[in-house]
Amino acid sequence: FGAYWVNNLTIETRDLLSRYIYGFFSLIPVNELD
């Protein structure tokens, strides 16, 4: 169900989640994970 639900996400939601993950990636080299 969870994997299938990914296909039902709106474009706006996909973009928002993708930006969040990219932001997480970019912060790791600069800041140590607490």
Full PDB file with SEQRES, HELIX, SHEET, SSBOND, CRYST1, ORIGX, SCALE, CONECT and MASTER records, all heavy atoms in Angstrom:
SEQRES   1 A   34  PHE GLY ALA TYR TRP VAL ASN ASN LEU THR ILE GLU THR          
SEQRES   2 A   34  ARG ASP LEU LEU SER ARG TYR ILE TYR GLY PHE PHE SER          
SEQRES   3 A   34  LEU ILE PRO VAL ASN GLU LEU ASP                              
HELIX    1 AA1 GLY A    2  TRP A    5  1                                   4    
HELIX    2 AA2 VAL A    6  ASN A    8  5                                   3    
HELIX    3 AA3 ILE A   11  LEU A   27  1                                  17    
CRYST1    1.000    1.000    1.000  90.00  90.00  90.00 P 1           1          
ORIGX1      1.000000  0.000000  0.000000        0.00000                         
ORIGX2      0.000000  1.000000  0.000000        0.00000                         
ORIGX3      0.000000  0.000000  1.000000        0.00000                         
SCALE1      1.000000  0.000000  0.000000        0.00000                         
SCALE2      0.000000  1.000000  0.000000        0.00000                         
SCALE3      0.000000  0.000000  1.000000        0.00000                         
ATOM      1  N   PHE A   1       0.833  -1.205   0.000  1.00  0.00           N  
ATOM      2  CA  PHE A   1       0.000   0.000   0.000  1.00  0.00           C  
ATOM      3  C   PHE A   1       0.868   1.257   0.000  1.00  0.00           C  
ATOM      4  O   PHE A   1       0.587   2.227  -0.712  1.00  0.00           O  
ATOM      5  CB  PHE A   1      -0.918   0.019   1.225  1.00  0.00           C  
ATOM      6  CG  PHE A   1      -2.129  -0.851   1.080  1.00  0.00           C  
ATOM      7  CD1 PHE A   1      -2.769  -1.364   2.202  1.00  0.00           C  
ATOM      8  CD2 PHE A   1      -2.648  -1.168  -0.167  1.00  0.00           C  
ATOM      9  CE1 PHE A   1      -3.898  -2.164   2.084  1.00  0.00           C  
ATOM     10  CE2 PHE A   1      -3.775  -1.966  -0.308  1.00  0.00           C  
ATOM     11  CZ  PHE A   1      -4.401  -2.466   0.824  1.00  0.00           C  
ATOM     12  N   GLY A   2       1.916   1.232   0.814  1.00  0.00           N  
ATOM     13  CA  GLY A   2       2.794   2.397   0.909  1.00  0.00           C  
ATOM     14  C   GLY A   2       3.496   2.687  -0.403  1.00  0.00           C  
ATOM     15  O   GLY A   2       3.573   3.843  -0.837  1.00  0.00           O  
ATOM     16  N   ALA A   3       4.017   1.636  -1.047  1.00  0.00           N  
ATOM     17  CA  ALA A   3       4.692   1.809  -2.333  1.00  0.00           C  
ATOM     18  C   ALA A   3       3.712   2.285  -3.403  1.00  0.00           C  
ATOM     19  O   ALA A   3       4.046   3.126  -4.244  1.00  0.00           O  
ATOM     20  CB  ALA A   3       5.341   0.497  -2.751  1.00  0.00           C  
ATOM     21  N   TYR A   4       2.482   1.742  -3.362  1.00  0.00           N  
ATOM     22  CA  TYR A   4       1.474   2.137  -4.339  1.00  0.00           C  
ATOM     23  C   TYR A   4       1.055   3.588  -4.134  1.00  0.00           C  
ATOM     24  O   TYR A   4       0.795   4.308  -5.117  1.00  0.00           O  
ATOM     25  CB  TYR A   4       0.259   1.217  -4.232  1.00  0.00           C  
ATOM     26  CG  TYR A   4      -0.892   1.622  -5.118  1.00  0.00           C  
ATOM     27  CD1 TYR A   4      -0.867   1.358  -6.487  1.00  0.00           C  
ATOM     28  CD2 TYR A   4      -2.004   2.278  -4.578  1.00  0.00           C  
ATOM     29  CE1 TYR A   4      -1.923   1.733  -7.305  1.00  0.00           C  
ATOM     30  CE2 TYR A   4      -3.059   2.657  -5.389  1.00  0.00           C  
ATOM     31  CZ  TYR A   4      -3.015   2.386  -6.753  1.00  0.00           C  
ATOM     32  OH  TYR A   4      -4.056   2.774  -7.557  1.00  0.00           O  
ATOM     33  N   TRP A   5       0.996   4.031  -2.877  1.00  0.00           N  
ATOM     34  CA  TRP A   5       0.535   5.379  -2.583  1.00  0.00           C  
ATOM     35  C   TRP A   5       1.466   6.443  -3.158  1.00  0.00           C  
ATOM     36  O   TRP A   5       1.031   7.583  -3.400  1.00  0.00           O  
ATOM     37  CB  TRP A   5       0.411   5.559  -1.075  1.00  0.00           C  
ATOM     38  CG  TRP A   5      -0.427   6.745  -0.692  1.00  0.00           C  
ATOM     39  CD1 TRP A   5       0.005   7.954  -0.262  1.00  0.00           C  
ATOM     40  CD2 TRP A   5      -1.859   6.818  -0.721  1.00  0.00           C  
ATOM     41  NE1 TRP A   5      -1.049   8.781  -0.011  1.00  0.00           N  
ATOM     42  CE2 TRP A   5      -2.215   8.114  -0.289  1.00  0.00           C  
ATOM     43  CE3 TRP A   5      -2.863   5.910  -1.061  1.00  0.00           C  
ATOM     44  CZ2 TRP A   5      -3.530   8.521  -0.196  1.00  0.00           C  
ATOM     45  CZ3 TRP A   5      -4.182   6.325  -0.976  1.00  0.00           C  
ATOM     46  CH2 TRP A   5      -4.500   7.614  -0.540  1.00  0.00           C  
ATOM     47  N   VAL A   6       2.724   6.090  -3.373  1.00  0.00           N  
ATOM     48  CA  VAL A   6       3.674   7.029  -3.974  1.00  0.00           C  
ATOM     49  C   VAL A   6       3.150   7.508  -5.323  1.00  0.00           C  
ATOM     50  O   VAL A   6       3.312   8.680  -5.694  1.00  0.00           O  
ATOM     51  CB  VAL A   6       5.067   6.375  -4.132  1.00  0.00           C  
ATOM     52  CG1 VAL A   6       6.013   7.289  -4.905  1.00  0.00           C  
ATOM     53  CG2 VAL A   6       5.657   6.047  -2.765  1.00  0.00           C  
ATOM     54  N   ASN A   7       2.511   6.621  -6.071  1.00  0.00           N  
ATOM     55  CA  ASN A   7       1.993   6.978  -7.395  1.00  0.00           C  
ATOM     56  C   ASN A   7       0.825   7.950  -7.320  1.00  0.00           C  
ATOM     57  O   ASN A   7       0.478   8.575  -8.331  1.00  0.00           O  
ATOM     58  CB  ASN A   7       1.540   5.711  -8.141  1.00  0.00           C  
ATOM     59  CG  ASN A   7       2.696   4.753  -8.394  1.00  0.00           C  
ATOM     60  OD1 ASN A   7       3.801   5.180  -8.678  1.00  0.00           O  
ATOM     61  ND2 ASN A   7       2.423   3.460  -8.270  1.00  0.00           N  
ATOM     62  N   ASN A   8       0.198   8.070  -6.147  1.00  0.00           N  
ATOM     63  CA  ASN A   8      -0.951   8.955  -5.989  1.00  0.00           C  
ATOM     64  C   ASN A   8      -0.580  10.351  -5.497  1.00  0.00           C  
ATOM     65  O   ASN A   8      -1.463  11.189  -5.307  1.00  0.00           O  
ATOM     66  CB  ASN A   8      -1.966   8.337  -5.014  1.00  0.00           C  
ATOM     67  CG  ASN A   8      -2.586   7.069  -5.563  1.00  0.00           C  
ATOM     68  OD1 ASN A   8      -2.771   6.925  -6.763  1.00  0.00           O  
ATOM     69  ND2 ASN A   8      -2.894   6.138  -4.674  1.00  0.00           N  
ATOM     70  N   LEU A   9       0.720  10.583  -5.255  1.00  0.00           N  
ATOM     71  CA  LEU A   9       1.148  11.896  -4.778  1.00  0.00           C  
ATOM     72  C   LEU A   9       0.999  12.936  -5.876  1.00  0.00           C  
ATOM     73  O   LEU A   9       1.261  12.671  -7.049  1.00  0.00           O  
ATOM     74  CB  LEU A   9       2.613  11.841  -4.326  1.00  0.00           C  
ATOM     75  CG  LEU A   9       2.938  11.007  -3.089  1.00  0.00           C  
ATOM     76  CD1 LEU A   9       4.443  11.008  -2.851  1.00  0.00           C  
ATOM     77  CD2 LEU A   9       2.207  11.537  -1.867  1.00  0.00           C  
ATOM     78  N   THR A  10       0.606  14.127  -5.478  1.00  0.00           N  
ATOM     79  CA  THR A  10       0.531  15.225  -6.440  1.00  0.00           C  
ATOM     80  C   THR A  10       1.944  15.704  -6.771  1.00  0.00           C  
ATOM     81  O   THR A  10       2.898  15.440  -6.026  1.00  0.00           O  
ATOM     82  CB  THR A  10      -0.268  16.401  -5.863  1.00  0.00           C  
ATOM     83  OG1 THR A  10       0.409  16.911  -4.706  1.00  0.00           O  
ATOM     84  CG2 THR A  10      -1.669  15.958  -5.484  1.00  0.00           C  
ATOM     85  N   ILE A  11       2.061  16.396  -7.869  1.00  0.00           N  
ATOM     86  CA  ILE A  11       3.370  16.919  -8.287  1.00  0.00           C  
ATOM     87  C   ILE A  11       3.924  17.868  -7.234  1.00  0.00           C  
ATOM     88  O   ILE A  11       5.124  17.852  -6.930  1.00  0.00           O  
ATOM     89  CB  ILE A  11       3.255  17.636  -9.648  1.00  0.00           C  
ATOM     90  CG1 ILE A  11       2.853  16.640 -10.737  1.00  0.00           C  
ATOM     91  CG2 ILE A  11       4.573  18.327 -10.006  1.00  0.00           C  
ATOM     92  CD1 ILE A  11       2.615  17.262 -12.085  1.00  0.00           C  
ATOM     93  N   GLU A  12       3.062  18.685  -6.651  1.00  0.00           N  
ATOM     94  CA  GLU A  12       3.506  19.636  -5.628  1.00  0.00           C  
ATOM     95  C   GLU A  12       4.061  18.913  -4.408  1.00  0.00           C  
ATOM     96  O   GLU A  12       5.088  19.309  -3.851  1.00  0.00           O  
ATOM     97  CB  GLU A  12       2.330  20.540  -5.203  1.00  0.00           C  
ATOM     98  CG  GLU A  12       1.834  21.494  -6.257  1.00  0.00           C  
ATOM     99  CD  GLU A  12       0.943  20.825  -7.291  1.00  0.00           C  
ATOM    100  OE1 GLU A  12       0.577  19.642  -7.083  1.00  0.00           O  
ATOM    101  OE2 GLU A  12       0.621  21.467  -8.302  1.00  0.00           O  
ATOM    102  N   THR A  13       3.385  17.833  -3.995  1.00  0.00           N  
ATOM    103  CA  THR A  13       3.856  17.070  -2.841  1.00  0.00           C  
ATOM    104  C   THR A  13       5.174  16.382  -3.139  1.00  0.00           C  
ATOM    105  O   THR A  13       6.094  16.363  -2.296  1.00  0.00           O  
ATOM    106  CB  THR A  13       2.810  16.011  -2.432  1.00  0.00           C  
ATOM    107  OG1 THR A  13       1.564  16.652  -2.177  1.00  0.00           O  
ATOM    108  CG2 THR A  13       3.258  15.268  -1.187  1.00  0.00           C  
ATOM    109  N   ARG A  14       5.314  15.829  -4.346  1.00  0.00           N  
ATOM    110  CA  ARG A  14       6.578  15.196  -4.747  1.00  0.00           C  
ATOM    111  C   ARG A  14       7.721  16.200  -4.707  1.00  0.00           C  
ATOM    112  O   ARG A  14       8.801  15.912  -4.184  1.00  0.00           O  
ATOM    113  CB  ARG A  14       6.456  14.619  -6.160  1.00  0.00           C  
ATOM    114  CG  ARG A  14       5.645  13.353  -6.273  1.00  0.00           C  
ATOM    115  CD  ARG A  14       5.496  12.972  -7.741  1.00  0.00           C  
ATOM    116  NE  ARG A  14       4.678  11.789  -7.914  1.00  0.00           N  
ATOM    117  CZ  ARG A  14       5.161  10.558  -7.932  1.00  0.00           C  
ATOM    118  NH1 ARG A  14       6.460  10.357  -7.796  1.00  0.00           N  
ATOM    119  NH2 ARG A  14       4.361   9.517  -8.084  1.00  0.00           N  
ATOM    120  N   ASP A  15       7.469  17.389  -5.266  1.00  0.00           N  
ATOM    121  CA  ASP A  15       8.506  18.418  -5.300  1.00  0.00           C  
ATOM    122  C   ASP A  15       8.903  18.851  -3.893  1.00  0.00           C  
ATOM    123  O   ASP A  15      10.084  19.042  -3.595  1.00  0.00           O  
ATOM    124  CB  ASP A  15       8.027  19.636  -6.099  1.00  0.00           C  
ATOM    125  CG  ASP A  15       7.911  19.348  -7.588  1.00  0.00           C  
ATOM    126  OD1 ASP A  15       8.522  18.350  -8.043  1.00  0.00           O  
ATOM    127  OD2 ASP A  15       7.218  20.108  -8.289  1.00  0.00           O  
ATOM    128  N   LEU A  16       7.909  18.992  -3.028  1.00  0.00           N  
ATOM    129  CA  LEU A  16       8.175  19.406  -1.651  1.00  0.00           C  
ATOM    130  C   LEU A  16       9.029  18.369  -0.930  1.00  0.00           C  
ATOM    131  O   LEU A  16      10.029  18.713  -0.272  1.00  0.00           O  
ATOM    132  CB  LEU A  16       6.853  19.612  -0.909  1.00  0.00           C  
ATOM    133  CG  LEU A  16       6.960  20.045   0.558  1.00  0.00           C  
ATOM    134  CD1 LEU A  16       7.633  21.413   0.652  1.00  0.00           C  
ATOM    135  CD2 LEU A  16       5.585  20.078   1.211  1.00  0.00           C  
ATOM    136  N   LEU A  17       8.668  17.108  -1.052  1.00  0.00           N  
ATOM    137  CA  LEU A  17       9.427  16.039  -0.405  1.00  0.00           C  
ATOM    138  C   LEU A  17      10.829  15.920  -0.996  1.00  0.00           C  
ATOM    139  O   LEU A  17      11.806  15.705  -0.270  1.00  0.00           O  
ATOM    140  CB  LEU A  17       8.680  14.707  -0.535  1.00  0.00           C  
ATOM    141  CG  LEU A  17       7.379  14.574   0.264  1.00  0.00           C  
ATOM    142  CD1 LEU A  17       6.667  13.273  -0.083  1.00  0.00           C  
ATOM    143  CD2 LEU A  17       7.658  14.635   1.757  1.00  0.00           C  
ATOM    144  N   SER A  18      10.936  16.060  -2.307  1.00  0.00           N  
ATOM    145  CA  SER A  18      12.238  15.968  -2.966  1.00  0.00           C  
ATOM    146  C   SER A  18      13.164  17.090  -2.498  1.00  0.00           C  
ATOM    147  O   SER A  18      14.349  16.858  -2.230  1.00  0.00           O  
ATOM    148  CB  SER A  18      12.076  16.029  -4.490  1.00  0.00           C  
ATOM    149  OG  SER A  18      11.339  14.922  -4.958  1.00  0.00           O  
ATOM    150  N   ARG A  19      12.621  18.312  -2.384  1.00  0.00           N  
ATOM    151  CA  ARG A  19      13.444  19.439  -1.917  1.00  0.00           C  
ATOM    152  C   ARG A  19      13.892  19.220  -0.480  1.00  0.00           C  
ATOM    153  O   ARG A  19      15.022  19.558  -0.100  1.00  0.00           O  
ATOM    154  CB  ARG A  19      12.647  20.748  -2.033  1.00  0.00           C  
ATOM    155  CG  ARG A  19      12.500  21.259  -3.459  1.00  0.00           C  
ATOM    156  CD  ARG A  19      12.107  22.743  -3.465  1.00  0.00           C  
ATOM    157  NE  ARG A  19      10.834  22.964  -2.800  1.00  0.00           N  
ATOM    158  CZ  ARG A  19       9.660  22.923  -3.414  1.00  0.00           C  
ATOM    159  NH1 ARG A  19       9.600  22.652  -4.716  1.00  0.00           N  
ATOM    160  NH2 ARG A  19       8.548  23.156  -2.749  1.00  0.00           N  
ATOM    161  N   TYR A  20      13.003  18.646   0.315  1.00  0.00           N  
ATOM    162  CA  TYR A  20      13.348  18.368   1.713  1.00  0.00           C  
ATOM    163  C   TYR A  20      14.512  17.377   1.791  1.00  0.00           C  
ATOM    164  O   TYR A  20      15.461  17.574   2.560  1.00  0.00           O  
ATOM    165  CB  TYR A  20      12.131  17.808   2.447  1.00  0.00           C  
ATOM    166  CG  TYR A  20      12.411  17.396   3.869  1.00  0.00           C  
ATOM    167  CD1 TYR A  20      12.446  18.329   4.898  1.00  0.00           C  
ATOM    168  CD2 TYR A  20      12.663  16.060   4.186  1.00  0.00           C  
ATOM    169  CE1 TYR A  20      12.721  17.956   6.201  1.00  0.00           C  
ATOM    170  CE2 TYR A  20      12.931  15.668   5.487  1.00  0.00           C  
ATOM    171  CZ  TYR A  20      12.954  16.621   6.486  1.00  0.00           C  
ATOM    172  OH  TYR A  20      13.246  16.235   7.772  1.00  0.00           O  
ATOM    173  N   ILE A  21      14.453  16.326   0.977  1.00  0.00           N  
ATOM    174  CA  ILE A  21      15.503  15.308   0.992  1.00  0.00           C  
ATOM    175  C   ILE A  21      16.813  15.866   0.446  1.00  0.00           C  
ATOM    176  O   ILE A  21      17.894  15.612   0.997  1.00  0.00           O  
ATOM    177  CB  ILE A  21      15.064  14.059   0.196  1.00  0.00           C  
ATOM    178  CG1 ILE A  21      13.879  13.385   0.899  1.00  0.00           C  
ATOM    179  CG2 ILE A  21      16.214  13.065   0.056  1.00  0.00           C  
ATOM    180  CD1 ILE A  21      13.258  12.257   0.117  1.00  0.00           C  
ATOM    181  N   TYR A  22      16.740  16.654  -0.631  1.00  0.00           N  
ATOM    182  CA  TYR A  22      17.943  17.288  -1.173  1.00  0.00           C  
ATOM    183  C   TYR A  22      18.565  18.224  -0.139  1.00  0.00           C  
ATOM    184  O   TYR A  22      19.790  18.309  -0.001  1.00  0.00           O  
ATOM    185  CB  TYR A  22      17.615  18.073  -2.448  1.00  0.00           C  
ATOM    186  CG  TYR A  22      17.704  17.249  -3.705  1.00  0.00           C  
ATOM    187  CD1 TYR A  22      16.601  17.140  -4.558  1.00  0.00           C  
ATOM    188  CD2 TYR A  22      18.884  16.591  -4.054  1.00  0.00           C  
ATOM    189  CE1 TYR A  22      16.664  16.379  -5.718  1.00  0.00           C  
ATOM    190  CE2 TYR A  22      18.950  15.830  -5.208  1.00  0.00           C  
ATOM    191  CZ  TYR A  22      17.852  15.733  -6.037  1.00  0.00           C  
ATOM    192  OH  TYR A  22      17.926  14.989  -7.179  1.00  0.00           O  
ATOM    193  N   GLY A  23      17.714  18.930   0.586  1.00  0.00           N  
ATOM    194  CA  GLY A  23      18.229  19.806   1.643  1.00  0.00           C  
ATOM    195  C   GLY A  23      18.928  19.021   2.734  1.00  0.00           C  
ATOM    196  O   GLY A  23      19.966  19.442   3.256  1.00  0.00           O  
ATOM    197  N   PHE A  24      18.371  17.863   3.062  1.00  0.00           N  
ATOM    198  CA  PHE A  24      18.999  16.986   4.057  1.00  0.00           C  
ATOM    199  C   PHE A  24      20.365  16.526   3.578  1.00  0.00           C  
ATOM    200  O   PHE A  24      21.343  16.547   4.329  1.00  0.00           O  
ATOM    201  CB  PHE A  24      18.089  15.788   4.319  1.00  0.00           C  
ATOM    202  CG  PHE A  24      18.684  14.746   5.212  1.00  0.00           C  
ATOM    203  CD1 PHE A  24      18.786  14.950   6.581  1.00  0.00           C  
ATOM    204  CD2 PHE A  24      19.159  13.546   4.696  1.00  0.00           C  
ATOM    205  CE1 PHE A  24      19.348  13.995   7.411  1.00  0.00           C  
ATOM    206  CE2 PHE A  24      19.716  12.579   5.506  1.00  0.00           C  
ATOM    207  CZ  PHE A  24      19.809  12.814   6.879  1.00  0.00           C  
ATOM    208  N   PHE A  25      20.447  16.122   2.299  1.00  0.00           N  
ATOM    209  CA  PHE A  25      21.725  15.683   1.727  1.00  0.00           C  
ATOM    210  C   PHE A  25      22.768  16.793   1.792  1.00  0.00           C  
ATOM    211  O   PHE A  25      23.933  16.551   2.133  1.00  0.00           O  
ATOM    212  CB  PHE A  25      21.545  15.256   0.270  1.00  0.00           C  
ATOM    213  CG  PHE A  25      20.814  13.948   0.093  1.00  0.00           C  
ATOM    214  CD1 PHE A  25      20.225  13.618  -1.115  1.00  0.00           C  
ATOM    215  CD2 PHE A  25      20.706  13.047   1.134  1.00  0.00           C  
ATOM    216  CE1 PHE A  25      19.552  12.425  -1.289  1.00  0.00           C  
ATOM    217  CE2 PHE A  25      20.033  11.848   0.981  1.00  0.00           C  
ATOM    218  CZ  PHE A  25      19.444  11.543  -0.237  1.00  0.00           C  
ATOM    219  N   SER A  26      22.347  18.000   1.458  1.00  0.00           N  
ATOM    220  CA  SER A  26      23.301  19.111   1.384  1.00  0.00           C  
ATOM    221  C   SER A  26      23.780  19.558   2.753  1.00  0.00           C  
ATOM    222  O   SER A  26      24.872  20.118   2.886  1.00  0.00           O  
ATOM    223  CB  SER A  26      22.657  20.300   0.658  1.00  0.00           C  
ATOM    224  OG  SER A  26      21.531  20.782   1.367  1.00  0.00           O  
ATOM    225  N   LEU A  27      22.988  19.320   3.790  1.00  0.00           N  
ATOM    226  CA  LEU A  27      23.364  19.760   5.130  1.00  0.00           C  
ATOM    227  C   LEU A  27      24.332  18.805   5.819  1.00  0.00           C  
ATOM    228  O   LEU A  27      25.103  19.222   6.688  1.00  0.00           O  
ATOM    229  CB  LEU A  27      22.118  19.917   6.006  1.00  0.00           C  
ATOM    230  CG  LEU A  27      21.245  21.150   5.739  1.00  0.00           C  
ATOM    231  CD1 LEU A  27      19.978  21.075   6.575  1.00  0.00           C  
ATOM    232  CD2 LEU A  27      22.006  22.425   6.050  1.00  0.00           C  
ATOM    233  N   ILE A  28      24.288  17.528   5.446  1.00  0.00           N  
ATOM    234  CA  ILE A  28      25.109  16.536   6.146  1.00  0.00           C  
ATOM    235  C   ILE A  28      26.603  16.837   6.061  1.00  0.00           C  
ATOM    236  O   ILE A  28      27.309  16.762   7.083  1.00  0.00           O  
ATOM    237  CB  ILE A  28      24.813  15.109   5.619  1.00  0.00           C  
ATOM    238  CG1 ILE A  28      23.379  14.718   5.984  1.00  0.00           C  
ATOM    239  CG2 ILE A  28      25.789  14.097   6.219  1.00  0.00           C  
ATOM    240  CD1 ILE A  28      22.968  13.361   5.465  1.00  0.00           C  
ATOM    241  N   PRO A  29      27.168  17.169   4.877  1.00  0.00           N  
ATOM    242  CA  PRO A  29      28.612  17.439   4.845  1.00  0.00           C  
ATOM    243  C   PRO A  29      29.018  18.639   5.677  1.00  0.00           C  
ATOM    244  O   PRO A  29      30.153  18.730   6.142  1.00  0.00           O  
ATOM    245  CB  PRO A  29      28.871  17.699   3.348  1.00  0.00           C  
ATOM    246  CG  PRO A  29      27.736  17.086   2.632  1.00  0.00           C  
ATOM    247  CD  PRO A  29      26.557  17.265   3.548  1.00  0.00           C  
ATOM    248  N   VAL A  30      28.092  19.595   5.861  1.00  0.00           N  
ATOM    249  CA  VAL A  30      28.417  20.820   6.593  1.00  0.00           C  
ATOM    250  C   VAL A  30      28.221  20.637   8.089  1.00  0.00           C  
ATOM    251  O   VAL A  30      29.025  21.091   8.909  1.00  0.00           O  
ATOM    252  CB  VAL A  30      27.530  21.994   6.091  1.00  0.00           C  
ATOM    253  CG1 VAL A  30      27.849  23.268   6.872  1.00  0.00           C  
ATOM    254  CG2 VAL A  30      27.729  22.191   4.603  1.00  0.00           C  
ATOM    255  N   ASN A  31      27.160  19.974   8.451  1.00  0.00           N  
ATOM    256  CA  ASN A  31      26.824  19.787   9.868  1.00  0.00           C  
ATOM    257  C   ASN A  31      26.882  18.308  10.244  1.00  0.00           C  
ATOM    258  O   ASN A  31      26.372  17.464   9.514  1.00  0.00           O  
ATOM    259  CB  ASN A  31      25.412  20.318  10.164  1.00  0.00           C  
ATOM    260  CG  ASN A  31      25.263  21.782   9.810  1.00  0.00           C  
ATOM    261  OD1 ASN A  31      25.861  22.626  10.447  1.00  0.00           O  
ATOM    262  ND2 ASN A  31      24.466  22.074   8.790  1.00  0.00           N  
ATOM    263  N   GLU A  32      27.493  18.040  11.386  1.00  0.00           N  
ATOM    264  CA  GLU A  32      27.518  16.678  11.904  1.00  0.00           C  
ATOM    265  C   GLU A  32      26.113  16.279  12.346  1.00  0.00           C  
ATOM    266  O   GLU A  32      25.366  17.082  12.904  1.00  0.00           O  
ATOM    267  CB  GLU A  32      28.471  16.588  13.100  1.00  0.00           C  
ATOM    268  CG  GLU A  32      29.941  16.633  12.732  1.00  0.00           C  
ATOM    269  CD  GLU A  32      30.373  15.406  11.956  1.00  0.00           C  
ATOM    270  OE1 GLU A  32      29.918  14.305  12.281  1.00  0.00           O  
ATOM    271  OE2 GLU A  32      31.160  15.567  11.009  1.00  0.00           O  
ATOM    272  N   LEU A  33      25.747  15.043  12.069  1.00  0.00           N  
ATOM    273  CA  LEU A  33      24.465  14.543  12.542  1.00  0.00           C  
ATOM    274  C   LEU A  33      24.500  14.428  14.064  1.00  0.00           C  
ATOM    275  O   LEU A  33      25.442  13.878  14.633  1.00  0.00           O  
ATOM    276  CB  LEU A  33      24.166  13.178  11.908  1.00  0.00           C  
ATOM    277  CG  LEU A  33      23.896  13.180  10.403  1.00  0.00           C  
ATOM    278  CD1 LEU A  33      23.797  11.748   9.886  1.00  0.00           C  
ATOM    279  CD2 LEU A  33      22.612  13.930  10.092  1.00  0.00           C  
ATOM    280  N   ASP A  34      23.507  14.970  14.700  1.00  0.00           N  
ATOM    281  CA  ASP A  34      23.423  14.960  16.166  1.00  0.00           C  
ATOM    282  C   ASP A  34      22.835  13.624  16.613  1.00  0.00           C  
ATOM    283  O   ASP A  34      21.620  13.434  16.601  1.00  0.00           O  
ATOM    284  CB  ASP A  34      22.565  16.121  16.651  1.00  0.00           C  
ATOM    285  CG  ASP A  34      22.637  16.295  18.161  1.00  0.00           C  
ATOM    286  OD1 ASP A  34      23.069  15.353  18.853  1.00  0.00           O  
ATOM    287  OD2 ASP A  34      22.249  17.371  18.654  1.00  0.00           O  
TER     288      ASP A  34                                                      
MASTER        0    0    0    3    0    0    0    6  287    1    0    3          
END                                                                             
